[in-house]
Amino acid sequence: MGLKMIGHTIRTSIAGIASVLALYTLYVPAVQAQQPKKVIGLSKPNLKGPYPTAELYGILDEAKARGFTVIVQDAGGYANIDKQLDQISNLAIKKVSAILIDPSDPAALNGVVQQARDAGILLVGAGVNVVASAVEPDAAVSSSHCNIGRELAKGAKALLPDGGSLGVLAGPPGSFWATERLRCFKEDIAGTNIKIVAETTSEQDAATSLTRASEILQRHPKLDMIYGADDVYGVGAARAAQAADRCGRTRIIFSVLGEEAEDMMNAGCADYVVAQQPVLIGRTEVRVVSDLLEGKKPEPKVINVPLIAITPDNLKTVDKAHLRPPAGWRP
């Protein structure tokens, strides 16, 4: 399947679920008539990088429009599980109305998330479809991470129809989203001649990703492709390919289209991106909380925001309003 056909397939799937998303894609600010502001907690393992920044913008902008206050908690890295546990516990003690949770390790968060549930706090998956492995969310907003892996596999097969060697920047060790993407990616390239020759995990850090990608290229100088879990890893891979004069020969695929990712695609060093819509995801998380507080349960419970396949052919025409915050925005 060619890259243009992949884009058509994803657009078709978007149309098919438009009715499910309609309730949440309309921007209807709630009127706050002299009532105390409701407080939403946000717990993220890491707020560095284009995706979490864009998601945070969507959350804060929508919360402001709807009269919510947001307490933002950043654990500072996927390895800081104890810090995220403490932060969620503190949000529960503060008796916030709802907590948006992106768990660093769903199994490790069971106890503290149950504590929040027992306190009557609404629990919403933030960019993932879980809040803990043994506690069901009240709702969740995400792009299916398995589907991201499958769409990356489509891109890989289109770029390497005869197969080739693949290096993998797998993402943060143990993180749900990265593990799920790679699992489904591997399922969909099984039986092809695309062979993984190197795989590594690392923290979600641009400099580290560049170093890991450079190390893979040093060991495999004629590598055909690098997979990046998201654009922190993908941009690192693209920069490593650029430094090794491998742009266009070592193909680079990843998810999330931040500004640097767009720059690398314009430079010919990134070939296929499965773009999530993190601004829309953040907005939808807040809209779901608003509905839950009014007694309205979302249907479906897990809302999967559509993906967009981006190649050099359609890069200029894609509407990026839901992909990233306004230029220069900082929390």
C-alpha atoms as a PDB file:
ATOM      1  CA  MET A   1       0.000   0.000   0.000  1.00  0.00           C
ATOM      2  CA  GLY A   2       1.452   3.392  -1.001  1.00  0.00           C
ATOM      3  CA  LEU A   3       1.725   6.403   1.317  1.00  0.00           C
ATOM      4  CA  LYS A   4      -1.051   8.299  -0.505  1.00  0.00           C
ATOM      5  CA  MET A   5      -3.393   5.324  -0.102  1.00  0.00           C
ATOM      6  CA  ILE A   6      -2.541   5.159   3.615  1.00  0.00           C
ATOM      7  CA  GLY A   7      -3.513   8.802   3.997  1.00  0.00           C
ATOM      8  CA  HIS A   8      -6.820   8.086   2.206  1.00  0.00           C
ATOM      9  CA  THR A   9      -7.478   5.113   4.503  1.00  0.00           C
ATOM     10  CA  ILE A  10      -6.948   7.177   7.644  1.00  0.00           C
ATOM     11  CA  ARG A  11      -9.154   9.982   6.312  1.00  0.00           C
ATOM     12  CA  THR A  12     -11.873   7.419   5.662  1.00  0.00           C
ATOM     13  CA  SER A  13     -11.621   6.124   9.229  1.00  0.00           C
ATOM     14  CA  ILE A  14     -11.843   9.681  10.519  1.00  0.00           C
ATOM     15  CA  ALA A  15     -15.115  10.188   8.679  1.00  0.00           C
ATOM     16  CA  GLY A  16     -16.420   6.942  10.072  1.00  0.00           C
ATOM     17  CA  ILE A  17     -16.049   7.996  13.693  1.00  0.00           C
ATOM     18  CA  ALA A  18     -16.945  11.647  13.239  1.00  0.00           C
ATOM     19  CA  SER A  19     -20.349  11.113  14.792  1.00  0.00           C
ATOM     20  CA  VAL A  20     -18.750   9.699  17.936  1.00  0.00           C
ATOM     21  CA  LEU A  21     -16.543  12.735  18.323  1.00  0.00           C
ATOM     22  CA  ALA A  22     -19.098  15.372  17.377  1.00  0.00           C
ATOM     23  CA  LEU A  23     -20.134  16.076  20.947  1.00  0.00           C
ATOM     24  CA  TYR A  24     -16.554  16.773  21.941  1.00  0.00           C
ATOM     25  CA  THR A  25     -15.216  18.652  18.931  1.00  0.00           C
ATOM     26  CA  LEU A  26     -17.649  21.526  19.233  1.00  0.00           C
ATOM     27  CA  TYR A  27     -16.214  24.414  21.176  1.00  0.00           C
ATOM     28  CA  VAL A  28     -19.011  25.563  23.508  1.00  0.00           C
ATOM     29  CA  PRO A  29     -17.718  27.508  26.533  1.00  0.00           C
ATOM     30  CA  ALA A  30     -19.729  26.856  29.679  1.00  0.00           C
ATOM     31  CA  VAL A  31     -21.308  29.804  31.438  1.00  0.00           C
ATOM     32  CA  GLN A  32     -20.126  30.181  35.024  1.00  0.00           C
ATOM     33  CA  ALA A  33     -22.741  32.192  36.908  1.00  0.00           C
ATOM     34  CA  GLN A  34     -20.967  33.310  40.071  1.00  0.00           C
ATOM     35  CA  GLN A  35     -20.189  29.759  41.125  1.00  0.00           C
ATOM     36  CA  PRO A  36     -16.901  28.691  42.711  1.00  0.00           C
ATOM     37  CA  LYS A  37     -14.498  27.294  40.169  1.00  0.00           C
ATOM     38  CA  LYS A  38     -14.215  23.541  39.942  1.00  0.00           C
ATOM     39  CA  VAL A  39     -10.660  22.244  40.232  1.00  0.00           C
ATOM     40  CA  ILE A  40      -9.138  19.657  37.903  1.00  0.00           C
ATOM     41  CA  GLY A  41      -5.864  17.929  38.689  1.00  0.00           C
ATOM     42  CA  LEU A  42      -3.479  16.878  35.919  1.00  0.00           C
ATOM     43  CA  SER A  43      -0.883  14.188  36.595  1.00  0.00           C
ATOM     44  CA  LYS A  44       1.703  13.538  33.876  1.00  0.00           C
ATOM     45  CA  PRO A  45       4.966  11.579  34.067  1.00  0.00           C
ATOM     46  CA  ASN A  46       6.665  14.160  31.860  1.00  0.00           C
ATOM     47  CA  LEU A  47       5.637  17.525  30.415  1.00  0.00           C
ATOM     48  CA  LYS A  48       8.714  17.999  28.241  1.00  0.00           C
ATOM     49  CA  GLY A  49       8.338  17.681  24.500  1.00  0.00           C
ATOM     50  CA  PRO A  50       5.946  18.778  21.752  1.00  0.00           C
ATOM     51  CA  TYR A  51       3.143  16.313  22.513  1.00  0.00           C
ATOM     52  CA  PRO A  52       2.652  17.022  26.244  1.00  0.00           C
ATOM     53  CA  THR A  53       3.092  20.759  25.652  1.00  0.00           C
ATOM     54  CA  ALA A  54       0.354  20.744  23.012  1.00  0.00           C
ATOM     55  CA  GLU A  55      -1.924  18.595  25.178  1.00  0.00           C
ATOM     56  CA  LEU A  56      -1.348  20.946  28.122  1.00  0.00           C
ATOM     57  CA  TYR A  57      -2.261  23.943  25.967  1.00  0.00           C
ATOM     58  CA  GLY A  58      -5.540  22.271  25.005  1.00  0.00           C
ATOM     59  CA  ILE A  59      -6.312  21.482  28.653  1.00  0.00           C
ATOM     60  CA  LEU A  60      -5.508  24.943  30.011  1.00  0.00           C
ATOM     61  CA  ASP A  61      -7.212  26.867  27.220  1.00  0.00           C
ATOM     62  CA  GLU A  62     -10.397  24.800  27.422  1.00  0.00           C
ATOM     63  CA  ALA A  63     -10.393  24.891  31.227  1.00  0.00           C
ATOM     64  CA  LYS A  64     -10.125  28.682  31.178  1.00  0.00           C
ATOM     65  CA  ALA A  65     -13.056  28.943  28.778  1.00  0.00           C
ATOM     66  CA  ARG A  66     -15.172  26.670  30.980  1.00  0.00           C
ATOM     67  CA  GLY A  67     -14.258  28.240  34.311  1.00  0.00           C
ATOM     68  CA  PHE A  68     -12.103  25.422  35.695  1.00  0.00           C
ATOM     69  CA  THR A  69      -8.906  25.803  37.681  1.00  0.00           C
ATOM     70  CA  VAL A  70      -6.181  23.273  36.808  1.00  0.00           C
ATOM     71  CA  ILE A  71      -3.480  22.033  39.191  1.00  0.00           C
ATOM     72  CA  VAL A  72      -0.655  20.748  36.983  1.00  0.00           C
ATOM     73  CA  GLN A  73       1.623  18.032  38.349  1.00  0.00           C
ATOM     74  CA  ASP A  74       4.704  16.898  36.400  1.00  0.00           C
ATOM     75  CA  ALA A  75       6.713  13.962  37.777  1.00  0.00           C
ATOM     76  CA  GLY A  76       9.717  15.016  35.699  1.00  0.00           C
ATOM     77  CA  GLY A  77      10.326  11.691  33.949  1.00  0.00           C
ATOM     78  CA  TYR A  78       8.981   8.180  33.507  1.00  0.00           C
ATOM     79  CA  ALA A  79      11.428   6.809  36.068  1.00  0.00           C
ATOM     80  CA  ASN A  80       9.944   8.998  38.827  1.00  0.00           C
ATOM     81  CA  ILE A  81       7.054   6.699  39.708  1.00  0.00           C
ATOM     82  CA  ASP A  82       7.162   7.521  43.433  1.00  0.00           C
ATOM     83  CA  LYS A  83       6.878  11.216  42.651  1.00  0.00           C
ATOM     84  CA  GLN A  84       3.788  10.659  40.517  1.00  0.00           C
ATOM     85  CA  LEU A  85       2.278   8.540  43.306  1.00  0.00           C
ATOM     86  CA  ASP A  86       2.804  11.383  45.786  1.00  0.00           C
ATOM     87  CA  GLN A  87       1.397  13.953  43.379  1.00  0.00           C
ATOM     88  CA  ILE A  88      -1.809  11.984  42.763  1.00  0.00           C
ATOM     89  CA  SER A  89      -2.172  11.396  46.506  1.00  0.00           C
ATOM     90  CA  ASN A  90      -1.848  15.140  47.125  1.00  0.00           C
ATOM     91  CA  LEU A  91      -4.482  15.880  44.481  1.00  0.00           C
ATOM     92  CA  ALA A  92      -6.819  13.415  46.204  1.00  0.00           C
ATOM     93  CA  ILE A  93      -6.199  15.085  49.566  1.00  0.00           C
ATOM     94  CA  LYS A  94      -7.041  18.459  47.991  1.00  0.00           C
ATOM     95  CA  LYS A  95     -10.397  16.927  46.937  1.00  0.00           C
ATOM     96  CA  VAL A  96     -10.186  18.108  43.341  1.00  0.00           C
ATOM     97  CA  SER A  97     -13.267  17.392  41.238  1.00  0.00           C
ATOM     98  CA  ALA A  98     -11.395  15.252  38.715  1.00  0.00           C
ATOM     99  CA  ILE A  99      -7.889  14.042  37.932  1.00  0.00           C
ATOM    100  CA  LEU A 100      -6.572  13.673  34.394  1.00  0.00           C
ATOM    101  CA  ILE A 101      -4.027  10.852  34.672  1.00  0.00           C
ATOM    102  CA  ASP A 102      -1.306   9.652  32.330  1.00  0.00           C
ATOM    103  CA  PRO A 103       0.223   6.793  34.361  1.00  0.00           C
ATOM    104  CA  SER A 104       3.954   6.186  34.134  1.00  0.00           C
ATOM    105  CA  ASP A 105       3.283   2.590  35.224  1.00  0.00           C
ATOM    106  CA  PRO A 106      -0.417   1.614  35.412  1.00  0.00           C
ATOM    107  CA  ALA A 107       0.231  -1.279  37.814  1.00  0.00           C
ATOM    108  CA  ALA A 108       2.204   0.886  40.239  1.00  0.00           C
ATOM    109  CA  LEU A 109      -0.597   3.451  40.485  1.00  0.00           C
ATOM    110  CA  ASN A 110      -3.400   1.085  41.534  1.00  0.00           C
ATOM    111  CA  GLY A 111      -3.376   1.987  45.234  1.00  0.00           C
ATOM    112  CA  VAL A 112      -3.261   5.756  44.941  1.00  0.00           C
ATOM    113  CA  VAL A 113      -5.764   5.857  42.077  1.00  0.00           C
ATOM    114  CA  GLN A 114      -8.170   3.731  44.121  1.00  0.00           C
ATOM    115  CA  GLN A 115      -7.669   6.252  46.951  1.00  0.00           C
ATOM    116  CA  ALA A 116      -8.853   8.993  44.605  1.00  0.00           C
ATOM    117  CA  ARG A 117     -11.810   6.880  43.431  1.00  0.00           C
ATOM    118  CA  ASP A 118     -12.835   6.227  47.056  1.00  0.00           C
ATOM    119  CA  ALA A 119     -12.767   9.993  47.655  1.00  0.00           C
ATOM    120  CA  GLY A 120     -15.364  10.452  44.922  1.00  0.00           C
ATOM    121  CA  ILE A 121     -12.961  12.025  42.448  1.00  0.00           C
ATOM    122  CA  LEU A 122     -13.577  11.528  38.735  1.00  0.00           C
ATOM    123  CA  LEU A 123     -10.729   9.741  36.930  1.00  0.00           C
ATOM    124  CA  VAL A 124     -10.011  10.421  33.265  1.00  0.00           C
ATOM    125  CA  GLY A 125      -7.228   8.872  31.185  1.00  0.00           C
ATOM    126  CA  ALA A 126      -5.151  11.703  29.728  1.00  0.00           C
ATOM    127  CA  GLY A 127      -3.744  10.685  26.371  1.00  0.00           C
ATOM    128  CA  VAL A 128      -4.028   7.006  27.324  1.00  0.00           C
ATOM    129  CA  ASN A 129      -7.014   4.708  27.816  1.00  0.00           C
ATOM    130  CA  VAL A 130      -6.073   3.668  31.367  1.00  0.00           C
ATOM    131  CA  VAL A 131      -5.519   5.385  34.715  1.00  0.00           C
ATOM    132  CA  ALA A 132      -4.273   2.256  36.511  1.00  0.00           C
ATOM    133  CA  SER A 133      -4.185  -1.429  35.673  1.00  0.00           C
ATOM    134  CA  ALA A 134      -6.862  -2.442  38.210  1.00  0.00           C
ATOM    135  CA  VAL A 135      -9.009   0.716  38.367  1.00  0.00           C
ATOM    136  CA  GLU A 136     -11.385   1.574  35.536  1.00  0.00           C
ATOM    137  CA  PRO A 137     -11.414   5.211  34.415  1.00  0.00           C
ATOM    138  CA  ASP A 138     -14.665   7.159  34.311  1.00  0.00           C
ATOM    139  CA  ALA A 139     -13.590   8.077  30.794  1.00  0.00           C
ATOM    140  CA  ALA A 140     -10.429   8.351  28.725  1.00  0.00           C
ATOM    141  CA  VAL A 141      -9.298  10.434  25.775  1.00  0.00           C
ATOM    142  CA  SER A 142      -6.485   9.271  23.552  1.00  0.00           C
ATOM    143  CA  SER A 143      -5.405   8.214  20.147  1.00  0.00           C
ATOM    144  CA  SER A 144      -5.252   4.430  20.169  1.00  0.00           C
ATOM    145  CA  HIS A 145      -1.597   3.664  20.792  1.00  0.00           C
ATOM    146  CA  CYS A 146      -1.993   0.269  19.167  1.00  0.00           C
ATOM    147  CA  ASN A 147      -3.414   1.975  16.079  1.00  0.00           C
ATOM    148  CA  ILE A 148      -0.440   4.348  16.048  1.00  0.00           C
ATOM    149  CA  GLY A 149       1.851   1.318  15.924  1.00  0.00           C
ATOM    150  CA  ARG A 150      -0.199  -0.219  13.146  1.00  0.00           C
ATOM    151  CA  GLU A 151      -0.166   2.990  11.085  1.00  0.00           C
ATOM    152  CA  LEU A 152       3.609   3.247  11.560  1.00  0.00           C
ATOM    153  CA  ALA A 153       3.854  -0.320  10.268  1.00  0.00           C
ATOM    154  CA  LYS A 154       1.866   0.695   7.172  1.00  0.00           C
ATOM    155  CA  GLY A 155       4.340   3.500   6.563  1.00  0.00           C
ATOM    156  CA  ALA A 156       7.310   1.188   7.090  1.00  0.00           C
ATOM    157  CA  LYS A 157       5.958  -1.352   4.605  1.00  0.00           C
ATOM    158  CA  ALA A 158       5.211   1.362   2.039  1.00  0.00           C
ATOM    159  CA  LEU A 159       8.711   2.833   2.354  1.00  0.00           C
ATOM    160  CA  LEU A 160      10.452  -0.565   2.379  1.00  0.00           C
ATOM    161  CA  PRO A 161       8.266  -2.795   0.181  1.00  0.00           C
ATOM    162  CA  ASP A 162      11.121  -5.273  -0.298  1.00  0.00           C
ATOM    163  CA  GLY A 163      12.132  -5.199   3.367  1.00  0.00           C
ATOM    164  CA  GLY A 164      15.267  -3.920   5.036  1.00  0.00           C
ATOM    165  CA  SER A 165      17.042  -3.343   8.330  1.00  0.00           C
ATOM    166  CA  LEU A 166      15.341  -1.396  11.119  1.00  0.00           C
ATOM    167  CA  GLY A 167      16.592   0.292  14.271  1.00  0.00           C
ATOM    168  CA  VAL A 168      14.092   1.044  17.040  1.00  0.00           C
ATOM    169  CA  LEU A 169      14.050   3.907  19.532  1.00  0.00           C
ATOM    170  CA  ALA A 170      11.352   2.274  21.633  1.00  0.00           C
ATOM    171  CA  GLY A 171      10.558   5.103  24.055  1.00  0.00           C
ATOM    172  CA  PRO A 172      10.683   5.297  27.853  1.00  0.00           C
ATOM    173  CA  PRO A 173      11.224   1.887  29.469  1.00  0.00           C
ATOM    174  CA  GLY A 174       7.995   0.424  30.816  1.00  0.00           C
ATOM    175  CA  SER A 175       5.712   3.231  29.638  1.00  0.00           C
ATOM    176  CA  PHE A 176       2.264   2.043  28.565  1.00  0.00           C
ATOM    177  CA  TRP A 177       1.964   4.154  25.427  1.00  0.00           C
ATOM    178  CA  ALA A 178       5.397   3.306  24.019  1.00  0.00           C
ATOM    179  CA  THR A 179       5.088  -0.403  24.797  1.00  0.00           C
ATOM    180  CA  GLU A 180       1.641  -0.601  23.184  1.00  0.00           C
ATOM    181  CA  ARG A 181       2.746   1.214  20.017  1.00  0.00           C
ATOM    182  CA  LEU A 182       5.763  -1.009  19.511  1.00  0.00           C
ATOM    183  CA  ARG A 183       3.838  -4.201  20.273  1.00  0.00           C
ATOM    184  CA  CYS A 184       1.302  -3.496  17.530  1.00  0.00           C
ATOM    185  CA  PHE A 185       3.992  -2.257  15.143  1.00  0.00           C
ATOM    186  CA  LYS A 186       5.887  -5.531  15.533  1.00  0.00           C
ATOM    187  CA  GLU A 187       2.710  -7.559  15.036  1.00  0.00           C
ATOM    188  CA  ASP A 188       2.070  -5.813  11.736  1.00  0.00           C
ATOM    189  CA  ILE A 189       5.583  -6.153  10.300  1.00  0.00           C
ATOM    190  CA  ALA A 190       5.773  -9.831  11.265  1.00  0.00           C
ATOM    191  CA  GLY A 191       6.083 -11.955   8.156  1.00  0.00           C
ATOM    192  CA  THR A 192       7.696  -9.168   6.123  1.00  0.00           C
ATOM    193  CA  ASN A 193      11.368  -8.793   5.265  1.00  0.00           C
ATOM    194  CA  ILE A 194      11.694  -5.791   7.587  1.00  0.00           C
ATOM    195  CA  LYS A 195      14.045  -7.001  10.306  1.00  0.00           C
ATOM    196  CA  ILE A 196      14.828  -5.255  13.599  1.00  0.00           C
ATOM    197  CA  VAL A 197      18.602  -5.220  14.068  1.00  0.00           C
ATOM    198  CA  ALA A 198      18.794  -2.821  17.035  1.00  0.00           C
ATOM    199  CA  GLU A 199      16.353  -1.755  19.746  1.00  0.00           C
ATOM    200  CA  THR A 200      16.835   0.539  22.731  1.00  0.00           C
ATOM    201  CA  THR A 201      14.752   2.323  25.357  1.00  0.00           C
ATOM    202  CA  SER A 202      15.622   5.665  26.945  1.00  0.00           C
ATOM    203  CA  GLU A 203      14.100   8.600  28.780  1.00  0.00           C
ATOM    204  CA  GLN A 204      12.016  11.013  26.725  1.00  0.00           C
ATOM    205  CA  ASP A 205      14.844  13.478  26.098  1.00  0.00           C
ATOM    206  CA  ALA A 206      15.969  15.011  22.800  1.00  0.00           C
ATOM    207  CA  ALA A 207      19.720  14.877  23.441  1.00  0.00           C
ATOM    208  CA  THR A 208      19.551  11.271  24.637  1.00  0.00           C
ATOM    209  CA  SER A 209      17.503  10.265  21.582  1.00  0.00           C
ATOM    210  CA  LEU A 210      20.083  11.819  19.265  1.00  0.00           C
ATOM    211  CA  THR A 211      22.862   9.931  21.049  1.00  0.00           C
ATOM    212  CA  ARG A 212      21.036   6.589  20.906  1.00  0.00           C
ATOM    213  CA  ALA A 213      20.194   7.002  17.209  1.00  0.00           C
ATOM    214  CA  SER A 214      23.793   7.970  16.422  1.00  0.00           C
ATOM    215  CA  GLU A 215      25.041   4.867  18.230  1.00  0.00           C
ATOM    216  CA  ILE A 216      22.699   2.657  16.187  1.00  0.00           C
ATOM    217  CA  LEU A 217      23.909   4.244  12.934  1.00  0.00           C
ATOM    218  CA  GLN A 218      27.532   3.778  13.949  1.00  0.00           C
ATOM    219  CA  ARG A 219      26.908   0.054  14.467  1.00  0.00           C
ATOM    220  CA  HIS A 220      24.739  -0.231  11.339  1.00  0.00           C
ATOM    221  CA  PRO A 221      25.981   2.440   8.895  1.00  0.00           C
ATOM    222  CA  LYS A 222      23.760   1.202   6.045  1.00  0.00           C
ATOM    223  CA  LEU A 223      20.617   0.953   8.159  1.00  0.00           C
ATOM    224  CA  ASP A 224      17.440   1.254   6.076  1.00  0.00           C
ATOM    225  CA  MET A 225      15.072   2.736   8.659  1.00  0.00           C
ATOM    226  CA  ILE A 226      14.707   4.027  12.223  1.00  0.00           C
ATOM    227  CA  TYR A 227      11.443   3.854  14.182  1.00  0.00           C
ATOM    228  CA  GLY A 228      10.886   6.542  16.831  1.00  0.00           C
ATOM    229  CA  ALA A 229       8.225   6.127  19.528  1.00  0.00           C
ATOM    230  CA  ASP A 230       7.294   9.805  19.193  1.00  0.00           C
ATOM    231  CA  ASP A 231       8.864  12.951  17.815  1.00  0.00           C
ATOM    232  CA  VAL A 232      11.309  13.356  20.689  1.00  0.00           C
ATOM    233  CA  TYR A 233      12.834  10.096  19.467  1.00  0.00           C
ATOM    234  CA  GLY A 234      12.036  10.660  15.797  1.00  0.00           C
ATOM    235  CA  VAL A 235      13.654  14.085  15.615  1.00  0.00           C
ATOM    236  CA  GLY A 236      16.727  12.647  17.352  1.00  0.00           C
ATOM    237  CA  ALA A 237      16.832   9.906  14.722  1.00  0.00           C
ATOM    238  CA  ALA A 238      16.391  12.424  11.895  1.00  0.00           C
ATOM    239  CA  ARG A 239      19.217  14.590  13.225  1.00  0.00           C
ATOM    240  CA  ALA A 240      21.452  11.540  13.540  1.00  0.00           C
ATOM    241  CA  ALA A 241      20.677  10.584   9.933  1.00  0.00           C
ATOM    242  CA  GLN A 242      21.395  14.152   8.842  1.00  0.00           C
ATOM    243  CA  ALA A 243      24.755  14.172  10.640  1.00  0.00           C
ATOM    244  CA  ALA A 244      25.675  10.844   9.018  1.00  0.00           C
ATOM    245  CA  ASP A 245      24.597  12.056   5.551  1.00  0.00           C
ATOM    246  CA  ARG A 246      21.906   9.361   5.502  1.00  0.00           C
ATOM    247  CA  CYS A 247      18.770  11.470   4.869  1.00  0.00           C
ATOM    248  CA  GLY A 248      16.639   9.698   2.263  1.00  0.00           C
ATOM    249  CA  ARG A 249      18.664   6.502   2.610  1.00  0.00           C
ATOM    250  CA  THR A 250      17.913   5.748   6.250  1.00  0.00           C
ATOM    251  CA  ARG A 251      14.170   6.379   6.343  1.00  0.00           C
ATOM    252  CA  ILE A 252      12.770   7.868   9.553  1.00  0.00           C
ATOM    253  CA  ILE A 253       9.264   7.136  10.848  1.00  0.00           C
ATOM    254  CA  PHE A 254       7.634   8.248  14.103  1.00  0.00           C
ATOM    255  CA  SER A 255       4.500   9.740  15.644  1.00  0.00           C
ATOM    256  CA  VAL A 256       3.597  13.348  16.607  1.00  0.00           C
ATOM    257  CA  LEU A 257       4.293  16.341  14.373  1.00  0.00           C
ATOM    258  CA  GLY A 258       5.912  19.132  16.381  1.00  0.00           C
ATOM    259  CA  GLU A 259       7.678  22.096  14.793  1.00  0.00           C
ATOM    260  CA  GLU A 260      11.085  20.386  14.795  1.00  0.00           C
ATOM    261  CA  ALA A 261       9.572  17.281  13.219  1.00  0.00           C
ATOM    262  CA  GLU A 262       8.115  19.442  10.454  1.00  0.00           C
ATOM    263  CA  ASP A 263      11.513  21.089   9.955  1.00  0.00           C
ATOM    264  CA  MET A 264      13.185  17.684   9.601  1.00  0.00           C
ATOM    265  CA  MET A 265      10.582  16.537   7.073  1.00  0.00           C
ATOM    266  CA  ASN A 266      11.110  19.731   5.074  1.00  0.00           C
ATOM    267  CA  ALA A 267      14.849  18.972   5.156  1.00  0.00           C
ATOM    268  CA  GLY A 268      14.216  15.512   3.688  1.00  0.00           C
ATOM    269  CA  CYS A 269      15.283  13.715   6.867  1.00  0.00           C
ATOM    270  CA  ALA A 270      11.881  12.508   8.131  1.00  0.00           C
ATOM    271  CA  ASP A 271       9.734  10.373   5.858  1.00  0.00           C
ATOM    272  CA  TYR A 272       6.502   9.353   7.555  1.00  0.00           C
ATOM    273  CA  VAL A 273       4.754  10.699  10.655  1.00  0.00           C
ATOM    274  CA  VAL A 274       1.584   9.438  12.279  1.00  0.00           C
ATOM    275  CA  ALA A 275       0.318  12.684  13.762  1.00  0.00           C
ATOM    276  CA  GLN A 276      -1.833  12.736  16.839  1.00  0.00           C
ATOM    277  CA  GLN A 277      -3.972  15.770  17.633  1.00  0.00           C
ATOM    278  CA  PRO A 278      -2.806  16.601  21.173  1.00  0.00           C
ATOM    279  CA  VAL A 279      -4.481  20.018  21.387  1.00  0.00           C
ATOM    280  CA  LEU A 280      -7.827  18.390  20.573  1.00  0.00           C
ATOM    281  CA  ILE A 281      -7.059  15.561  23.003  1.00  0.00           C
ATOM    282  CA  GLY A 282      -6.433  18.064  25.811  1.00  0.00           C
ATOM    283  CA  ARG A 283      -9.587  20.032  25.022  1.00  0.00           C
ATOM    284  CA  THR A 284     -11.651  16.861  24.881  1.00  0.00           C
ATOM    285  CA  GLU A 285     -10.359  15.716  28.275  1.00  0.00           C
ATOM    286  CA  VAL A 286     -11.726  18.897  29.855  1.00  0.00           C
ATOM    287  CA  ARG A 287     -15.025  18.651  27.961  1.00  0.00           C
ATOM    288  CA  VAL A 288     -15.446  15.086  29.202  1.00  0.00           C
ATOM    289  CA  VAL A 289     -14.856  16.215  32.800  1.00  0.00           C
ATOM    290  CA  SER A 290     -17.445  18.972  32.331  1.00  0.00           C
ATOM    291  CA  ASP A 291     -19.984  16.434  31.080  1.00  0.00           C
ATOM    292  CA  LEU A 292     -19.236  13.945  33.855  1.00  0.00           C
ATOM    293  CA  LEU A 293     -19.750  16.648  36.481  1.00  0.00           C
ATOM    294  CA  GLU A 294     -23.166  17.285  34.927  1.00  0.00           C
ATOM    295  CA  GLY A 295     -24.016  13.598  35.135  1.00  0.00           C
ATOM    296  CA  LYS A 296     -23.492  12.906  31.430  1.00  0.00           C
ATOM    297  CA  LYS A 297     -21.502   9.768  30.683  1.00  0.00           C
ATOM    298  CA  PRO A 298     -19.506   9.797  27.447  1.00  0.00           C
ATOM    299  CA  GLU A 299     -20.339   7.175  24.883  1.00  0.00           C
ATOM    300  CA  PRO A 300     -18.025   5.517  24.088  1.00  0.00           C
ATOM    301  CA  LYS A 301     -16.192   5.618  27.401  1.00  0.00           C
ATOM    302  CA  VAL A 302     -12.807   5.694  25.675  1.00  0.00           C
ATOM    303  CA  ILE A 303     -12.709   8.410  23.031  1.00  0.00           C
ATOM    304  CA  ASN A 304     -10.102   7.804  20.339  1.00  0.00           C
ATOM    305  CA  VAL A 305      -9.171  11.025  18.565  1.00  0.00           C
ATOM    306  CA  PRO A 306      -8.315  10.377  14.890  1.00  0.00           C
ATOM    307  CA  LEU A 307      -4.781  10.054  13.556  1.00  0.00           C
ATOM    308  CA  ILE A 308      -3.380  11.838  10.503  1.00  0.00           C
ATOM    309  CA  ALA A 309      -0.735  10.244   8.263  1.00  0.00           C
ATOM    310  CA  ILE A 310       1.760  12.894   7.164  1.00  0.00           C
ATOM    311  CA  THR A 311       4.323  12.581   4.384  1.00  0.00           C
ATOM    312  CA  PRO A 312       6.289  15.187   2.420  1.00  0.00           C
ATOM    313  CA  ASP A 313       3.439  15.091  -0.132  1.00  0.00           C
ATOM    314  CA  ASN A 314       0.742  16.414   2.220  1.00  0.00           C
ATOM    315  CA  LEU A 315       2.802  18.236   4.854  1.00  0.00           C
ATOM    316  CA  LYS A 316       1.927  21.703   3.555  1.00  0.00           C
ATOM    317  CA  THR A 317      -1.823  21.089   3.361  1.00  0.00           C
ATOM    318  CA  VAL A 318      -2.509  19.492   6.771  1.00  0.00           C
ATOM    319  CA  ASP A 319      -4.444  21.720   9.202  1.00  0.00           C
ATOM    320  CA  LYS A 320      -2.186  21.943  12.249  1.00  0.00           C
ATOM    321  CA  ALA A 321      -4.593  23.788  14.590  1.00  0.00           C
ATOM    322  CA  HIS A 322      -5.202  20.639  16.657  1.00  0.00           C
ATOM    323  CA  LEU A 323      -1.600  19.412  16.393  1.00  0.00           C
ATOM    324  CA  ARG A 324       0.264  22.141  18.271  1.00  0.00           C
ATOM    325  CA  PRO A 325      -0.269  25.281  20.359  1.00  0.00           C
ATOM    326  CA  PRO A 326       0.025  28.782  18.894  1.00  0.00           C
ATOM    327  CA  ALA A 327       3.591  29.769  18.031  1.00  0.00           C
ATOM    328  CA  GLY A 328       5.494  30.946  21.080  1.00  0.00           C
ATOM    329  CA  TRP A 329       2.982  29.614  23.628  1.00  0.00           C
ATOM    330  CA  ARG A 330       4.454  28.583  26.951  1.00  0.00           C
ATOM    331  CA  PRO A 331       2.581  27.362  30.045  1.00  0.00           C
END
